[in-house]
Amino acid sequence: MSTLEQIEAKIDRLPRKLQKQVVERLNARLWPSGFAPEVERVWSDTVKRRLKEIDSGKVQGVPAAQVFARARRLLARQ
């Protein structure tokens, strides 16, 4: 298992609130000046909607490891 996969696995085991904090901190490091306010608002609205859909059972989440594996396969084709 690669270091990245180990990090992803640890994040997957965190409670959702802590996962959100990890994402927020990484975003702050990667984009210190932030996004345009409109982008922030739309992104926030989308995240809130998606979390409600998952919490209500309307949709089922996909494990992060599966998502990242698919992304790696797609990127490898380029």
PDB file of N, CA and C in Angstrom:
ATOM      1  N   MET A   1       0.860  -1.176   0.000  1.00  0.00           N
ATOM      2  CA  MET A   1       0.000   0.000   0.000  1.00  0.00           C
ATOM      3  C   MET A   1       0.904   1.236   0.000  1.00  0.00           C
ATOM      4  N   SER A   2       0.627   2.161  -0.906  1.00  0.00           N
ATOM      5  CA  SER A   2       1.428   3.382  -0.997  1.00  0.00           C
ATOM      6  C   SER A   2       1.105   4.315   0.162  1.00  0.00           C
ATOM      7  N   THR A   3       1.979   5.294   0.363  1.00  0.00           N
ATOM      8  CA  THR A   3       1.752   6.287   1.407  1.00  0.00           C
ATOM      9  C   THR A   3       0.437   7.018   1.170  1.00  0.00           C
ATOM     10  N   LEU A   4       0.149   7.375  -0.070  1.00  0.00           N
ATOM     11  CA  LEU A   4      -1.102   8.061  -0.382  1.00  0.00           C
ATOM     12  C   LEU A   4      -2.299   7.190  -0.019  1.00  0.00           C
ATOM     13  N   GLU A   5      -2.225   5.922  -0.341  1.00  0.00           N
ATOM     14  CA  GLU A   5      -3.325   5.012   0.002  1.00  0.00           C
ATOM     15  C   GLU A   5      -3.479   4.871   1.510  1.00  0.00           C
ATOM     16  N   GLN A   6      -2.368   4.900   2.243  1.00  0.00           N
ATOM     17  CA  GLN A   6      -2.425   4.829   3.702  1.00  0.00           C
ATOM     18  C   GLN A   6      -3.101   6.077   4.273  1.00  0.00           C
ATOM     19  N   ILE A   7      -2.756   7.227   3.717  1.00  0.00           N
ATOM     20  CA  ILE A   7      -3.378   8.480   4.160  1.00  0.00           C
ATOM     21  C   ILE A   7      -4.874   8.453   3.866  1.00  0.00           C
ATOM     22  N   GLU A   8      -5.234   8.030   2.658  1.00  0.00           N
ATOM     23  CA  GLU A   8      -6.652   7.950   2.284  1.00  0.00           C
ATOM     24  C   GLU A   8      -7.402   7.009   3.224  1.00  0.00           C
ATOM     25  N   ALA A   9      -6.810   5.880   3.550  1.00  0.00           N
ATOM     26  CA  ALA A   9      -7.464   4.901   4.430  1.00  0.00           C
ATOM     27  C   ALA A   9      -7.677   5.508   5.819  1.00  0.00           C
ATOM     28  N   LYS A  10      -6.697   6.251   6.306  1.00  0.00           N
ATOM     29  CA  LYS A  10      -6.848   6.889   7.621  1.00  0.00           C
ATOM     30  C   LYS A  10      -7.949   7.940   7.586  1.00  0.00           C
ATOM     31  N   ILE A  11      -7.997   8.712   6.519  1.00  0.00           N
ATOM     32  CA  ILE A  11      -9.045   9.725   6.399  1.00  0.00           C
ATOM     33  C   ILE A  11     -10.415   9.064   6.327  1.00  0.00           C
ATOM     34  N   ASP A  12     -10.520   7.953   5.611  1.00  0.00           N
ATOM     35  CA  ASP A  12     -11.792   7.229   5.497  1.00  0.00           C
ATOM     36  C   ASP A  12     -12.325   6.795   6.862  1.00  0.00           C
ATOM     37  N   ARG A  13     -11.427   6.533   7.809  1.00  0.00           N
ATOM     38  CA  ARG A  13     -11.843   6.064   9.136  1.00  0.00           C
ATOM     39  C   ARG A  13     -12.222   7.211  10.075  1.00  0.00           C
ATOM     40  N   LEU A  14     -11.963   8.438   9.675  1.00  0.00           N
ATOM     41  CA  LEU A  14     -12.309   9.588  10.516  1.00  0.00           C
ATOM     42  C   LEU A  14     -13.806   9.864  10.470  1.00  0.00           C
ATOM     43  N   PRO A  15     -14.338  10.438  11.542  1.00  0.00           N
ATOM     44  CA  PRO A  15     -15.723  10.906  11.474  1.00  0.00           C
ATOM     45  C   PRO A  15     -15.855  11.984  10.396  1.00  0.00           C
ATOM     46  N   ARG A  16     -17.039  12.107   9.843  1.00  0.00           N
ATOM     47  CA  ARG A  16     -17.282  13.038   8.741  1.00  0.00           C
ATOM     48  C   ARG A  16     -16.842  14.471   9.080  1.00  0.00           C
ATOM     49  N   LYS A  17     -17.088  14.899  10.311  1.00  0.00           N
ATOM     50  CA  LYS A  17     -16.721  16.258  10.712  1.00  0.00           C
ATOM     51  C   LYS A  17     -15.206  16.470  10.595  1.00  0.00           C
ATOM     52  N   LEU A  18     -14.421  15.487  11.012  1.00  0.00           N
ATOM     53  CA  LEU A  18     -12.971  15.599  10.894  1.00  0.00           C
ATOM     54  C   LEU A  18     -12.514  15.507   9.443  1.00  0.00           C
ATOM     55  N   GLN A  19     -13.192  14.682   8.639  1.00  0.00           N
ATOM     56  CA  GLN A  19     -12.859  14.604   7.218  1.00  0.00           C
ATOM     57  C   GLN A  19     -13.035  15.983   6.576  1.00  0.00           C
ATOM     58  N   LYS A  20     -14.120  16.655   6.941  1.00  0.00           N
ATOM     59  CA  LYS A  20     -14.386  17.995   6.412  1.00  0.00           C
ATOM     60  C   LYS A  20     -13.271  18.956   6.808  1.00  0.00           C
ATOM     61  N   GLN A  21     -12.801  18.858   8.042  1.00  0.00           N
ATOM     62  CA  GLN A  21     -11.725  19.731   8.498  1.00  0.00           C
ATOM     63  C   GLN A  21     -10.426  19.472   7.727  1.00  0.00           C
ATOM     64  N   VAL A  22     -10.155  18.200   7.430  1.00  0.00           N
ATOM     65  CA  VAL A  22      -8.967  17.860   6.634  1.00  0.00           C
ATOM     66  C   VAL A  22      -9.053  18.521   5.264  1.00  0.00           C
ATOM     67  N   VAL A  23     -10.217  18.394   4.627  1.00  0.00           N
ATOM     68  CA  VAL A  23     -10.423  18.987   3.300  1.00  0.00           C
ATOM     69  C   VAL A  23     -10.252  20.509   3.362  1.00  0.00           C
ATOM     70  N   GLU A  24     -10.843  21.127   4.373  1.00  0.00           N
ATOM     71  CA  GLU A  24     -10.746  22.583   4.498  1.00  0.00           C
ATOM     72  C   GLU A  24      -9.297  23.029   4.674  1.00  0.00           C
ATOM     73  N   ARG A  25      -8.537  22.319   5.478  1.00  0.00           N
ATOM     74  CA  ARG A  25      -7.130  22.686   5.692  1.00  0.00           C
ATOM     75  C   ARG A  25      -6.297  22.484   4.429  1.00  0.00           C
ATOM     76  N   LEU A  26      -6.545  21.376   3.725  1.00  0.00           N
ATOM     77  CA  LEU A  26      -5.811  21.149   2.475  1.00  0.00           C
ATOM     78  C   LEU A  26      -6.148  22.224   1.444  1.00  0.00           C
ATOM     79  N   ASN A  27      -7.425  22.561   1.337  1.00  0.00           N
ATOM     80  CA  ASN A  27      -7.821  23.622   0.407  1.00  0.00           C
ATOM     81  C   ASN A  27      -7.156  24.938   0.763  1.00  0.00           C
ATOM     82  N   ALA A  28      -7.086  25.247   2.049  1.00  0.00           N
ATOM     83  CA  ALA A  28      -6.455  26.500   2.481  1.00  0.00           C
ATOM     84  C   ALA A  28      -4.974  26.517   2.124  1.00  0.00           C
ATOM     85  N   ARG A  29      -4.324  25.366   2.186  1.00  0.00           N
ATOM     86  CA  ARG A  29      -2.904  25.301   1.819  1.00  0.00           C
ATOM     87  C   ARG A  29      -2.701  25.382   0.310  1.00  0.00           C
ATOM     88  N   LEU A  30      -3.583  24.715  -0.427  1.00  0.00           N
ATOM     89  CA  LEU A  30      -3.433  24.681  -1.881  1.00  0.00           C
ATOM     90  C   LEU A  30      -3.874  25.976  -2.545  1.00  0.00           C
ATOM     91  N   TRP A  31      -4.901  26.593  -1.989  1.00  0.00           N
ATOM     92  CA  TRP A  31      -5.437  27.834  -2.546  1.00  0.00           C
ATOM     93  C   TRP A  31      -5.554  28.873  -1.434  1.00  0.00           C
ATOM     94  N   PRO A  32      -4.407  29.403  -0.968  1.00  0.00           N
ATOM     95  CA  PRO A  32      -4.432  30.309   0.188  1.00  0.00           C
ATOM     96  C   PRO A  32      -5.272  31.569  -0.022  1.00  0.00           C
ATOM     97  N   SER A  33      -5.411  32.014  -1.256  1.00  0.00           N
ATOM     98  CA  SER A  33      -6.220  33.212  -1.494  1.00  0.00           C
ATOM     99  C   SER A  33      -7.703  32.880  -1.599  1.00  0.00           C
ATOM    100  N   GLY A  34      -8.027  31.593  -1.574  1.00  0.00           N
ATOM    101  CA  GLY A  34      -9.419  31.174  -1.627  1.00  0.00           C
ATOM    102  C   GLY A  34      -9.997  31.241  -3.032  1.00  0.00           C
ATOM    103  N   PHE A  35     -11.246  30.879  -3.116  1.00  0.00           N
ATOM    104  CA  PHE A  35     -11.965  30.905  -4.380  1.00  0.00           C
ATOM    105  C   PHE A  35     -12.819  32.160  -4.448  1.00  0.00           C
ATOM    106  N   ALA A  36     -13.314  32.459  -5.608  1.00  0.00           N
ATOM    107  CA  ALA A  36     -14.241  33.572  -5.764  1.00  0.00           C
ATOM    108  C   ALA A  36     -15.466  33.293  -4.893  1.00  0.00           C
ATOM    109  N   PRO A  37     -16.047  34.330  -4.283  1.00  0.00           N
ATOM    110  CA  PRO A  37     -17.196  34.118  -3.397  1.00  0.00           C
ATOM    111  C   PRO A  37     -18.333  33.320  -4.038  1.00  0.00           C
ATOM    112  N   GLU A  38     -18.604  33.554  -5.305  1.00  0.00           N
ATOM    113  CA  GLU A  38     -19.678  32.815  -5.975  1.00  0.00           C
ATOM    114  C   GLU A  38     -19.341  31.325  -6.058  1.00  0.00           C
ATOM    115  N   VAL A  39     -18.080  31.012  -6.332  1.00  0.00           N
ATOM    116  CA  VAL A  39     -17.654  29.614  -6.391  1.00  0.00           C
ATOM    117  C   VAL A  39     -17.800  28.978  -5.012  1.00  0.00           C
ATOM    118  N   GLU A  40     -17.381  29.691  -3.980  1.00  0.00           N
ATOM    119  CA  GLU A  40     -17.506  29.194  -2.606  1.00  0.00           C
ATOM    120  C   GLU A  40     -18.970  28.903  -2.261  1.00  0.00           C
ATOM    121  N   ARG A  41     -19.871  29.817  -2.628  1.00  0.00           N
ATOM    122  CA  ARG A  41     -21.280  29.649  -2.305  1.00  0.00           C
ATOM    123  C   ARG A  41     -21.866  28.430  -3.012  1.00  0.00           C
ATOM    124  N   VAL A  42     -21.583  28.314  -4.308  1.00  0.00           N
ATOM    125  CA  VAL A  42     -22.115  27.186  -5.082  1.00  0.00           C
ATOM    126  C   VAL A  42     -21.550  25.871  -4.545  1.00  0.00           C
ATOM    127  N   TRP A  43     -20.264  25.850  -4.263  1.00  0.00           N
ATOM    128  CA  TRP A  43     -19.628  24.636  -3.747  1.00  0.00           C
ATOM    129  C   TRP A  43     -20.238  24.268  -2.394  1.00  0.00           C
ATOM    130  N   SER A  44     -20.409  25.244  -1.518  1.00  0.00           N
ATOM    131  CA  SER A  44     -20.990  24.994  -0.207  1.00  0.00           C
ATOM    132  C   SER A  44     -22.407  24.445  -0.324  1.00  0.00           C
ATOM    133  N   ASP A  45     -23.201  25.051  -1.194  1.00  0.00           N
ATOM    134  CA  ASP A  45     -24.578  24.582  -1.409  1.00  0.00           C
ATOM    135  C   ASP A  45     -24.598  23.143  -1.917  1.00  0.00           C
ATOM    136  N   THR A  46     -23.688  22.831  -2.833  1.00  0.00           N
ATOM    137  CA  THR A  46     -23.618  21.483  -3.407  1.00  0.00           C
ATOM    138  C   THR A  46     -23.231  20.464  -2.342  1.00  0.00           C
ATOM    139  N   VAL A  47     -22.241  20.802  -1.547  1.00  0.00           N
ATOM    140  CA  VAL A  47     -21.791  19.889  -0.493  1.00  0.00           C
ATOM    141  C   VAL A  47     -22.916  19.635   0.505  1.00  0.00           C
ATOM    142  N   LYS A  48     -23.605  20.693   0.926  1.00  0.00           N
ATOM    143  CA  LYS A  48     -24.713  20.537   1.877  1.00  0.00           C
ATOM    144  C   LYS A  48     -25.819  19.649   1.293  1.00  0.00           C
ATOM    145  N   ARG A  49     -26.149  19.872   0.031  1.00  0.00           N
ATOM    146  CA  ARG A  49     -27.188  19.071  -0.619  1.00  0.00           C
ATOM    147  C   ARG A  49     -26.780  17.606  -0.687  1.00  0.00           C
ATOM    148  N   ARG A  50     -25.522  17.368  -1.097  1.00  0.00           N
ATOM    149  CA  ARG A  50     -25.055  15.985  -1.236  1.00  0.00           C
ATOM    150  C   ARG A  50     -25.018  15.267   0.117  1.00  0.00           C
ATOM    151  N   LEU A  51     -24.593  15.968   1.164  1.00  0.00           N
ATOM    152  CA  LEU A  51     -24.573  15.352   2.492  1.00  0.00           C
ATOM    153  C   LEU A  51     -25.978  14.993   2.952  1.00  0.00           C
ATOM    154  N   LYS A  52     -26.941  15.870   2.678  1.00  0.00           N
ATOM    155  CA  LYS A  52     -28.333  15.570   3.031  1.00  0.00           C
ATOM    156  C   LYS A  52     -28.817  14.332   2.283  1.00  0.00           C
ATOM    157  N   GLU A  53     -28.450  14.219   1.001  1.00  0.00           N
ATOM    158  CA  GLU A  53     -28.860  13.056   0.203  1.00  0.00           C
ATOM    159  C   GLU A  53     -28.262  11.774   0.767  1.00  0.00           C
ATOM    160  N   ILE A  54     -27.007  11.843   1.179  1.00  0.00           N
ATOM    161  CA  ILE A  54     -26.359  10.660   1.756  1.00  0.00           C
ATOM    162  C   ILE A  54     -26.977  10.328   3.108  1.00  0.00           C
ATOM    163  N   ASP A  55     -27.131  11.332   3.965  1.00  0.00           N
ATOM    164  CA  ASP A  55     -27.690  11.108   5.296  1.00  0.00           C
ATOM    165  C   ASP A  55     -29.108  10.564   5.248  1.00  0.00           C
ATOM    166  N   SER A  56     -29.891  10.993   4.271  1.00  0.00           N
ATOM    167  CA  SER A  56     -31.283  10.538   4.159  1.00  0.00           C
ATOM    168  C   SER A  56     -31.393   9.156   3.529  1.00  0.00           C
ATOM    169  N   GLY A  57     -30.307   8.684   2.931  1.00  0.00           N
ATOM    170  CA  GLY A  57     -30.342   7.391   2.252  1.00  0.00           C
ATOM    171  C   GLY A  57     -30.790   7.490   0.807  1.00  0.00           C
ATOM    172  N   LYS A  58     -31.057   8.706   0.341  1.00  0.00           N
ATOM    173  CA  LYS A  58     -31.491   8.899  -1.051  1.00  0.00           C
ATOM    174  C   LYS A  58     -30.423   8.403  -2.023  1.00  0.00           C
ATOM    175  N   VAL A  59     -29.167   8.652  -1.690  1.00  0.00           N
ATOM    176  CA  VAL A  59     -28.055   8.145  -2.496  1.00  0.00           C
ATOM    177  C   VAL A  59     -27.070   7.443  -1.564  1.00  0.00           C
ATOM    178  N   GLN A  60     -26.276   6.576  -2.135  1.00  0.00           N
ATOM    179  CA  GLN A  60     -25.278   5.858  -1.356  1.00  0.00           C
ATOM    180  C   GLN A  60     -23.899   6.360  -1.757  1.00  0.00           C
ATOM    181  N   GLY A  61     -23.071   6.632  -0.769  1.00  0.00           N
ATOM    182  CA  GLY A  61     -21.719   7.099  -1.041  1.00  0.00           C
ATOM    183  C   GLY A  61     -20.859   6.000  -1.643  1.00  0.00           C
ATOM    184  N   VAL A  62     -19.795   6.419  -2.285  1.00  0.00           N
ATOM    185  CA  VAL A  62     -18.816   5.497  -2.851  1.00  0.00           C
ATOM    186  C   VAL A  62     -17.551   5.633  -2.014  1.00  0.00           C
ATOM    187  N   PRO A  63     -16.974   4.531  -1.541  1.00  0.00           N
ATOM    188  CA  PRO A  63     -15.768   4.622  -0.735  1.00  0.00           C
ATOM    189  C   PRO A  63     -14.663   5.396  -1.462  1.00  0.00           C
ATOM    190  N   ALA A  64     -13.959   6.232  -0.708  1.00  0.00           N
ATOM    191  CA  ALA A  64     -12.922   7.075  -1.289  1.00  0.00           C
ATOM    192  C   ALA A  64     -11.880   6.244  -2.033  1.00  0.00           C
ATOM    193  N   ALA A  65     -11.505   5.106  -1.485  1.00  0.00           N
ATOM    194  CA  ALA A  65     -10.489   4.269  -2.141  1.00  0.00           C
ATOM    195  C   ALA A  65     -10.952   3.862  -3.541  1.00  0.00           C
ATOM    196  N   GLN A  66     -12.236   3.578  -3.681  1.00  0.00           N
ATOM    197  CA  GLN A  66     -12.783   3.206  -4.987  1.00  0.00           C
ATOM    198  C   GLN A  66     -12.762   4.402  -5.943  1.00  0.00           C
ATOM    199  N   VAL A  67     -13.116   5.559  -5.443  1.00  0.00           N
ATOM    200  CA  VAL A  67     -13.120   6.770  -6.263  1.00  0.00           C
ATOM    201  C   VAL A  67     -11.707   7.096  -6.730  1.00  0.00           C
ATOM    202  N   PHE A  68     -10.744   7.049  -5.791  1.00  0.00           N
ATOM    203  CA  PHE A  68      -9.367   7.382  -6.152  1.00  0.00           C
ATOM    204  C   PHE A  68      -8.781   6.375  -7.137  1.00  0.00           C
ATOM    205  N   ALA A  69      -9.125   5.098  -6.956  1.00  0.00           N
ATOM    206  CA  ALA A  69      -8.642   4.070  -7.889  1.00  0.00           C
ATOM    207  C   ALA A  69      -9.173   4.339  -9.292  1.00  0.00           C
ATOM    208  N   ARG A  70     -10.440   4.693  -9.386  1.00  0.00           N
ATOM    209  CA  ARG A  70     -11.025   5.002 -10.693  1.00  0.00           C
ATOM    210  C   ARG A  70     -10.357   6.236 -11.300  1.00  0.00           C
ATOM    211  N   ALA A  71     -10.125   7.255 -10.478  1.00  0.00           N
ATOM    212  CA  ALA A  71      -9.477   8.469 -10.973  1.00  0.00           C
ATOM    213  C   ALA A  71      -8.075   8.155 -11.495  1.00  0.00           C
ATOM    214  N   ARG A  72      -7.346   7.305 -10.766  1.00  0.00           N
ATOM    215  CA  ARG A  72      -6.002   6.932 -11.229  1.00  0.00           C
ATOM    216  C   ARG A  72      -6.061   6.214 -12.571  1.00  0.00           C
ATOM    217  N   ARG A  73      -7.031   5.314 -12.725  1.00  0.00           N
ATOM    218  CA  ARG A  73      -7.165   4.586 -14.005  1.00  0.00           C
ATOM    219  C   ARG A  73      -7.472   5.556 -15.140  1.00  0.00           C
ATOM    220  N   LEU A  74      -8.383   6.493 -14.889  1.00  0.00           N
ATOM    221  CA  LEU A  74      -8.745   7.470 -15.934  1.00  0.00           C
ATOM    222  C   LEU A  74      -7.563   8.371 -16.284  1.00  0.00           C
ATOM    223  N   LEU A  75      -6.831   8.804 -15.282  1.00  0.00           N
ATOM    224  CA  LEU A  75      -5.679   9.665 -15.533  1.00  0.00           C
ATOM    225  C   LEU A  75      -4.557   8.925 -16.241  1.00  0.00           C
ATOM    226  N   ALA A  76      -4.426   7.639 -15.981  1.00  0.00           N
ATOM    227  CA  ALA A  76      -3.379   6.842 -16.619  1.00  0.00           C
ATOM    228  C   ALA A  76      -3.615   6.703 -18.119  1.00  0.00           C
ATOM    229  N   ARG A  77      -4.858   6.837 -18.552  1.00  0.00           N
ATOM    230  CA  ARG A  77      -5.182   6.722 -19.986  1.00  0.00           C
ATOM    231  C   ARG A  77      -4.751   7.952 -20.773  1.00  0.00           C
ATOM    232  N   GLN A  78      -4.522   9.046 -20.091  1.00  0.00           N
ATOM    233  CA  GLN A  78      -4.208  10.302 -20.790  1.00  0.00           C
ATOM    234  C   GLN A  78      -2.797  10.338 -21.297  1.00  0.00           C
TER     235      GLN A  78
END
